[in-house]
Amino acid sequence: MAVEHSEGSTVFPKNHTGSPTASISGTVSIDQLIERWWQDHFPGSAIARDTQAWNAAYAAKQALKRLLKGSI
């Protein structure tokens, strides 16, 4: 996966172009990548069954998005 530093977008490999987060151009934002990763890994997990753990993980996800936006 290649990262374009100019606009903070990532280019998906061709086999991911059908992804609901991929746009027509084949690029997605950092936020979209994180959200896709979150949806792929957290719903239905052990963390999802514990409210305090879910809230902590969700807050960390949001903080990560803010940190990455600031570094690009």
C-alpha atoms as a PDB file:
ATOM      1  CA  MET A   1       0.000   0.000   0.000  1.00  0.00           C
ATOM      2  CA  ALA A   2       1.428   3.394  -0.991  1.00  0.00           C
ATOM      3  CA  VAL A   3       0.943   6.562   0.999  1.00  0.00           C
ATOM      4  CA  GLU A   4       0.612   9.944  -0.663  1.00  0.00           C
ATOM      5  CA  HIS A   5       2.012  12.490   1.778  1.00  0.00           C
ATOM      6  CA  SER A   6       0.650  15.550  -0.024  1.00  0.00           C
ATOM      7  CA  GLU A   7      -2.998  15.094   0.911  1.00  0.00           C
ATOM      8  CA  GLY A   8      -2.940  12.424   3.600  1.00  0.00           C
ATOM      9  CA  SER A   9      -4.589   9.804   1.411  1.00  0.00           C
ATOM     10  CA  THR A  10      -3.690   6.197   0.816  1.00  0.00           C
ATOM     11  CA  VAL A  11      -4.004   4.330  -2.450  1.00  0.00           C
ATOM     12  CA  PHE A  12      -5.628   0.911  -2.095  1.00  0.00           C
ATOM     13  CA  PRO A  13      -4.412  -2.053  -4.106  1.00  0.00           C
ATOM     14  CA  LYS A  14      -6.687  -2.867  -7.035  1.00  0.00           C
ATOM     15  CA  ASN A  15      -8.398  -5.729  -5.205  1.00  0.00           C
ATOM     16  CA  HIS A  16      -9.768  -3.244  -2.626  1.00  0.00           C
ATOM     17  CA  THR A  17     -11.441  -0.877  -5.080  1.00  0.00           C
ATOM     18  CA  GLY A  18     -14.815  -2.406  -4.243  1.00  0.00           C
ATOM     19  CA  SER A  19     -14.400  -1.382  -0.614  1.00  0.00           C
ATOM     20  CA  PRO A  20     -17.212   0.790   0.752  1.00  0.00           C
ATOM     21  CA  THR A  21     -14.553   3.260   1.939  1.00  0.00           C
ATOM     22  CA  ALA A  22     -12.780   3.543  -1.406  1.00  0.00           C
ATOM     23  CA  SER A  23     -13.780   6.415  -3.621  1.00  0.00           C
ATOM     24  CA  ILE A  24     -13.965   6.314  -7.403  1.00  0.00           C
ATOM     25  CA  SER A  25     -10.354   7.539  -7.593  1.00  0.00           C
ATOM     26  CA  GLY A  26      -9.183   4.631  -5.409  1.00  0.00           C
ATOM     27  CA  THR A  27      -7.968   6.842  -2.547  1.00  0.00           C
ATOM     28  CA  VAL A  28      -9.253   7.028   0.997  1.00  0.00           C
ATOM     29  CA  SER A  29      -8.523   9.401   3.848  1.00  0.00           C
ATOM     30  CA  ILE A  30      -6.681   8.418   7.010  1.00  0.00           C
ATOM     31  CA  ASP A  31     -10.013   8.678   8.878  1.00  0.00           C
ATOM     32  CA  GLN A  32     -11.645   6.288   6.425  1.00  0.00           C
ATOM     33  CA  LEU A  33      -8.796   3.785   6.789  1.00  0.00           C
ATOM     34  CA  ILE A  34      -9.034   3.882  10.568  1.00  0.00           C
ATOM     35  CA  GLU A  35     -12.821   3.533  10.484  1.00  0.00           C
ATOM     36  CA  ARG A  36     -12.575   0.584   8.100  1.00  0.00           C
ATOM     37  CA  TRP A  37      -9.982  -1.086  10.364  1.00  0.00           C
ATOM     38  CA  TRP A  38     -12.207  -0.420  13.399  1.00  0.00           C
ATOM     39  CA  GLN A  39     -15.260  -1.978  11.706  1.00  0.00           C
ATOM     40  CA  ASP A  40     -13.201  -4.982  10.616  1.00  0.00           C
ATOM     41  CA  HIS A  41     -11.815  -5.702  14.088  1.00  0.00           C
ATOM     42  CA  PHE A  42     -13.866  -4.340  16.986  1.00  0.00           C
ATOM     43  CA  PRO A  43     -17.605  -5.018  16.587  1.00  0.00           C
ATOM     44  CA  GLY A  44     -18.301  -8.468  18.015  1.00  0.00           C
ATOM     45  CA  SER A  45     -14.935  -8.630  19.775  1.00  0.00           C
ATOM     46  CA  ALA A  46     -14.325  -9.090  23.496  1.00  0.00           C
ATOM     47  CA  ILE A  47     -13.864  -5.318  23.738  1.00  0.00           C
ATOM     48  CA  ALA A  48     -17.352  -4.802  22.315  1.00  0.00           C
ATOM     49  CA  ARG A  49     -18.787  -6.790  25.235  1.00  0.00           C
ATOM     50  CA  ASP A  50     -17.248  -4.510  27.873  1.00  0.00           C
ATOM     51  CA  THR A  51     -18.506  -0.923  27.910  1.00  0.00           C
ATOM     52  CA  GLN A  52     -15.488   0.540  29.687  1.00  0.00           C
ATOM     53  CA  ALA A  53     -13.061  -1.234  27.354  1.00  0.00           C
ATOM     54  CA  TRP A  54     -15.099  -0.171  24.302  1.00  0.00           C
ATOM     55  CA  ASN A  55     -15.143   3.455  25.451  1.00  0.00           C
ATOM     56  CA  ALA A  56     -11.372   3.441  26.063  1.00  0.00           C
ATOM     57  CA  ALA A  57     -10.657   1.843  22.678  1.00  0.00           C
ATOM     58  CA  TYR A  58     -13.025   4.238  20.909  1.00  0.00           C
ATOM     59  CA  ALA A  59     -11.385   7.253  22.572  1.00  0.00           C
ATOM     60  CA  ALA A  60      -7.961   5.924  21.534  1.00  0.00           C
ATOM     61  CA  LYS A  61      -9.191   5.532  17.943  1.00  0.00           C
ATOM     62  CA  GLN A  62     -10.417   9.117  17.876  1.00  0.00           C
ATOM     63  CA  ALA A  63      -7.132  10.356  19.401  1.00  0.00           C
ATOM     64  CA  LEU A  64      -5.180   8.430  16.757  1.00  0.00           C
ATOM     65  CA  LYS A  65      -7.144  10.135  13.992  1.00  0.00           C
ATOM     66  CA  ARG A  66      -6.408  13.550  15.514  1.00  0.00           C
ATOM     67  CA  LEU A  67      -2.709  12.742  15.921  1.00  0.00           C
ATOM     68  CA  LEU A  68      -2.363  11.496  12.356  1.00  0.00           C
ATOM     69  CA  LYS A  69      -4.141  14.547  10.956  1.00  0.00           C
ATOM     70  CA  GLY A  70      -1.659  16.747  12.785  1.00  0.00           C
ATOM     71  CA  SER A  71       1.357  14.876  11.422  1.00  0.00           C
ATOM     72  CA  ILE A  72       0.439  15.051   7.740  1.00  0.00           C
END
